[in-house]
Amino acid sequence: MKEETDSVTFQVEGEEINLKRSTILSDQVEILLPESFDVMDEEQAKLKYPGERRPTLIYTNENATVNIAFNHTENKASNKQMEEVLKGMVETFENMYPSAEWLNKEVYEIHGKNVASMELITPAMDTEIYNFMFMMELDGKLLLATVNSTKEQMEDWQPIAKEMMKSINMVD
C-alpha cells in the first residue's frame, strides 16, 4: 500500500493554493496539482506556446501568470537514460538562453523512477521567467513537465513545483 498525500496547502500572497492529487494523461499519471488551476483553452495555448511543439496539457491560474505544462513526447526514453536526457536538455537550454541563470540540474529517484530535473531563470520580453522542469519515462517515451512563473513569483512557486515533482507517480 502506498502512502500518498492527497492534498497539500501552500500560502501564496495571502491566498491558499491547495494541491490535490489528480490523474492526468489518459489516467496514466498521478500528480498533485493546484485545485484552483484550469486547463488552458486551445486559443490561449496557441498564443502562449506558438509553434507545433505545444505541450499536450497545460494548466494555468486565473490570470495565466503561472503555467503547469505536460508534454508526453514522441521521443523514445528509458528510465536508465535520464542522466543523458538531462545533459541534452541542459545543452539545448544553454544554447537557446545563453544568459540563463541556472539554479539546479539533477536526477532524483521518485517512486522507483529516475526523474531528471532542471531549474533556471530565462529572459522574456518584459520580465524574467522561472522555469522548473522535470522529465521521466512514460510508456517508453519522454514525459516532460514544466512549471513556469515570473521570477518575482519564484519564491512562492519553487516549493510548490518541487512538491508536485515529488508527488508524480505512474498509475498501476
Protein backbone atom coordinates (compact mmCIF):
# COMPACT_ATOMS: atom_id res chain seq x y z
CA MET A 1 0.00 0.00 0.00
CA LYS A 2 1.48 3.35 -0.96
CA GLU A 3 1.49 6.22 1.50
CA GLU A 4 0.46 9.16 -0.67
CA THR A 5 -0.70 12.58 0.37
CA ASP A 6 -3.97 13.52 -1.30
CA SER A 7 -3.54 17.24 -0.73
CA VAL A 8 -1.04 19.84 0.45
CA THR A 9 -1.69 23.54 1.04
CA PHE A 10 0.69 26.45 0.43
CA GLN A 11 0.25 30.15 1.17
CA VAL A 12 0.83 32.38 -1.87
CA GLU A 13 0.32 36.13 -1.46
CA GLY A 14 -2.26 35.60 1.29
CA GLU A 15 -4.14 33.05 -0.80
CA GLU A 16 -4.25 29.31 -0.15
CA ILE A 17 -3.03 27.14 -3.01
CA ASN A 18 -4.33 23.65 -2.39
CA LEU A 19 -2.54 20.90 -4.31
CA LYS A 20 -4.87 17.97 -4.87
CA ARG A 21 -4.00 14.51 -6.19
CA SER A 22 -5.08 14.40 -9.83
CA THR A 23 -4.86 11.80 -12.58
CA ILE A 24 -3.76 13.11 -15.97
CA LEU A 25 -2.70 11.98 -19.44
CA SER A 26 -5.37 9.34 -20.05
CA ASP A 27 -5.23 8.27 -16.39
CA GLN A 28 -1.58 7.16 -16.69
CA VAL A 29 -0.03 9.64 -14.24
CA GLU A 30 -0.93 10.83 -10.74
CA ILE A 31 0.37 14.19 -9.53
CA LEU A 32 -0.53 16.91 -7.04
CA LEU A 33 -1.93 19.91 -8.97
CA PRO A 34 -3.31 23.27 -7.80
CA GLU A 35 -7.04 22.83 -7.31
CA SER A 36 -7.73 26.41 -8.48
CA PHE A 37 -5.98 25.91 -11.87
CA ASP A 38 -7.92 25.15 -15.03
CA VAL A 39 -6.85 23.53 -18.28
CA MET A 40 -5.75 26.29 -20.65
CA ASP A 41 -8.04 26.63 -23.65
CA GLU A 42 -6.62 25.97 -27.11
CA GLU A 43 -6.72 29.63 -28.19
CA GLN A 44 -4.72 30.79 -25.18
CA ALA A 45 -2.32 27.83 -25.55
CA LYS A 46 -1.60 28.82 -29.18
CA LEU A 47 -0.74 32.36 -28.06
CA LYS A 48 1.37 31.32 -25.08
CA TYR A 49 3.07 28.38 -26.86
CA PRO A 50 3.33 29.24 -30.56
CA GLY A 51 4.62 26.53 -32.90
CA GLU A 52 3.84 22.87 -33.33
CA ARG A 53 5.68 21.68 -30.23
CA ARG A 54 2.97 22.86 -27.86
CA PRO A 55 2.54 20.85 -24.63
CA THR A 56 -0.12 18.13 -24.60
CA LEU A 57 -1.79 19.51 -21.46
CA ILE A 58 -1.46 22.96 -19.85
CA TYR A 59 -2.93 24.09 -16.53
CA THR A 60 -2.94 27.78 -15.63
CA ASN A 61 -4.05 30.09 -12.85
CA GLU A 62 -6.84 32.64 -13.27
CA ASN A 63 -4.64 35.39 -14.80
CA ALA A 64 -2.36 32.97 -16.71
CA THR A 65 0.80 34.08 -14.87
CA VAL A 66 1.64 30.57 -13.65
CA ASN A 67 1.51 27.61 -16.04
CA ILE A 68 1.97 23.90 -15.48
CA ALA A 69 2.52 22.06 -18.74
CA PHE A 70 2.88 18.40 -19.60
CA ASN A 71 4.13 17.02 -22.86
CA HIS A 72 4.22 13.28 -23.50
CA THR A 73 6.63 13.47 -26.41
CA GLU A 74 7.31 11.00 -29.22
CA ASN A 75 10.98 10.88 -28.15
CA LYS A 76 11.98 7.39 -27.05
CA ALA A 77 13.29 7.26 -23.49
CA SER A 78 14.08 4.70 -20.82
CA ASN A 79 14.35 5.03 -17.07
CA LYS A 80 18.12 4.45 -17.35
CA GLN A 81 18.59 7.33 -19.83
CA MET A 82 17.51 10.19 -17.57
CA GLU A 83 21.11 11.41 -16.94
CA GLU A 84 21.64 11.61 -20.73
CA VAL A 85 18.25 13.27 -21.24
CA LEU A 86 19.13 15.88 -18.63
CA LYS A 87 22.51 16.61 -20.26
CA GLY A 88 20.81 17.04 -23.65
CA MET A 89 18.10 19.34 -22.25
CA VAL A 90 20.65 21.46 -20.38
CA GLU A 91 22.70 21.81 -23.57
CA THR A 92 19.61 22.84 -25.54
CA PHE A 93 18.64 25.47 -22.97
CA GLU A 94 22.22 26.78 -22.71
CA ASN A 95 22.17 27.32 -26.49
CA MET A 96 18.68 28.89 -26.51
CA TYR A 97 19.26 31.08 -23.44
CA PRO A 98 22.99 31.79 -23.04
CA SER A 99 22.17 34.39 -20.36
CA ALA A 100 20.00 32.00 -18.31
CA GLU A 101 20.64 31.80 -14.59
CA TRP A 102 20.93 28.11 -13.62
CA LEU A 103 19.62 27.15 -10.18
CA ASN A 104 19.76 23.35 -10.30
CA LYS A 105 20.13 20.30 -12.58
CA GLU A 106 19.82 16.88 -11.04
CA VAL A 107 18.34 13.37 -11.35
CA TYR A 108 16.18 12.11 -8.47
CA GLU A 109 14.61 8.74 -7.76
CA ILE A 110 10.89 9.20 -7.16
CA HIS A 111 8.61 6.20 -6.63
CA GLY A 112 11.23 3.92 -8.21
CA LYS A 113 11.58 6.10 -11.36
CA ASN A 114 14.50 8.30 -12.36
CA VAL A 115 13.27 11.87 -12.71
CA ALA A 116 15.58 14.45 -14.31
CA SER A 117 15.05 17.99 -13.10
CA MET A 118 16.35 21.41 -14.08
CA GLU A 119 15.65 24.85 -12.71
CA LEU A 120 16.57 28.10 -14.40
CA ILE A 121 15.60 31.70 -14.93
CA THR A 122 15.29 32.77 -18.57
CA PRO A 123 14.75 36.18 -20.15
CA ALA A 124 11.37 37.01 -21.67
CA MET A 125 10.00 40.08 -23.44
CA ASP A 126 9.15 42.19 -20.39
CA THR A 127 10.25 40.07 -17.43
CA GLU A 128 12.27 37.04 -16.39
CA ILE A 129 10.71 33.58 -16.21
CA TYR A 130 11.31 30.96 -13.53
CA ASN A 131 11.32 27.50 -15.16
CA PHE A 132 11.15 24.29 -13.17
CA MET A 133 11.23 21.26 -15.48
CA PHE A 134 11.18 17.58 -14.75
CA MET A 135 11.36 14.64 -17.12
CA MET A 136 10.76 10.91 -16.87
CA GLU A 137 9.98 7.88 -18.97
CA LEU A 138 6.32 7.00 -19.56
CA ASP A 139 5.47 4.07 -21.85
CA GLY A 140 8.95 4.15 -23.39
CA LYS A 141 8.66 7.85 -24.30
CA LEU A 142 9.77 11.06 -22.63
CA LEU A 143 7.28 12.85 -20.39
CA LEU A 144 8.24 16.48 -19.87
CA ALA A 145 6.62 18.62 -17.16
CA THR A 146 7.21 22.35 -16.71
CA VAL A 147 6.15 24.84 -14.05
CA ASN A 148 6.64 28.49 -15.10
CA SER A 149 6.10 31.71 -13.23
CA THR A 150 7.67 35.13 -13.28
CA LYS A 151 10.93 35.50 -11.36
CA GLU A 152 9.01 37.67 -8.84
CA GLN A 153 6.70 34.72 -8.10
CA MET A 154 9.55 32.20 -7.87
CA GLU A 155 9.84 32.24 -4.09
CA ASP A 156 6.18 31.16 -3.79
CA TRP A 157 6.16 28.66 -6.67
CA GLN A 158 9.53 26.94 -6.23
CA PRO A 159 8.41 24.83 -3.22
CA ILE A 160 5.08 24.08 -4.95
CA ALA A 161 6.86 22.90 -8.14
CA LYS A 162 9.16 20.66 -6.08
CA GLU A 163 6.21 19.19 -4.18
CA MET A 164 4.48 18.45 -7.49
CA MET A 165 7.58 16.69 -8.82
CA LYS A 166 7.94 14.61 -5.64
CA SER A 167 4.30 13.52 -5.99
CA ILE A 168 4.46 12.28 -9.61
CA ASN A 169 3.69 8.59 -9.95
CA MET A 170 2.61 6.14 -12.63
CA VAL A 171 -0.90 4.73 -12.19
CA ASP A 172 -0.75 0.94 -11.82
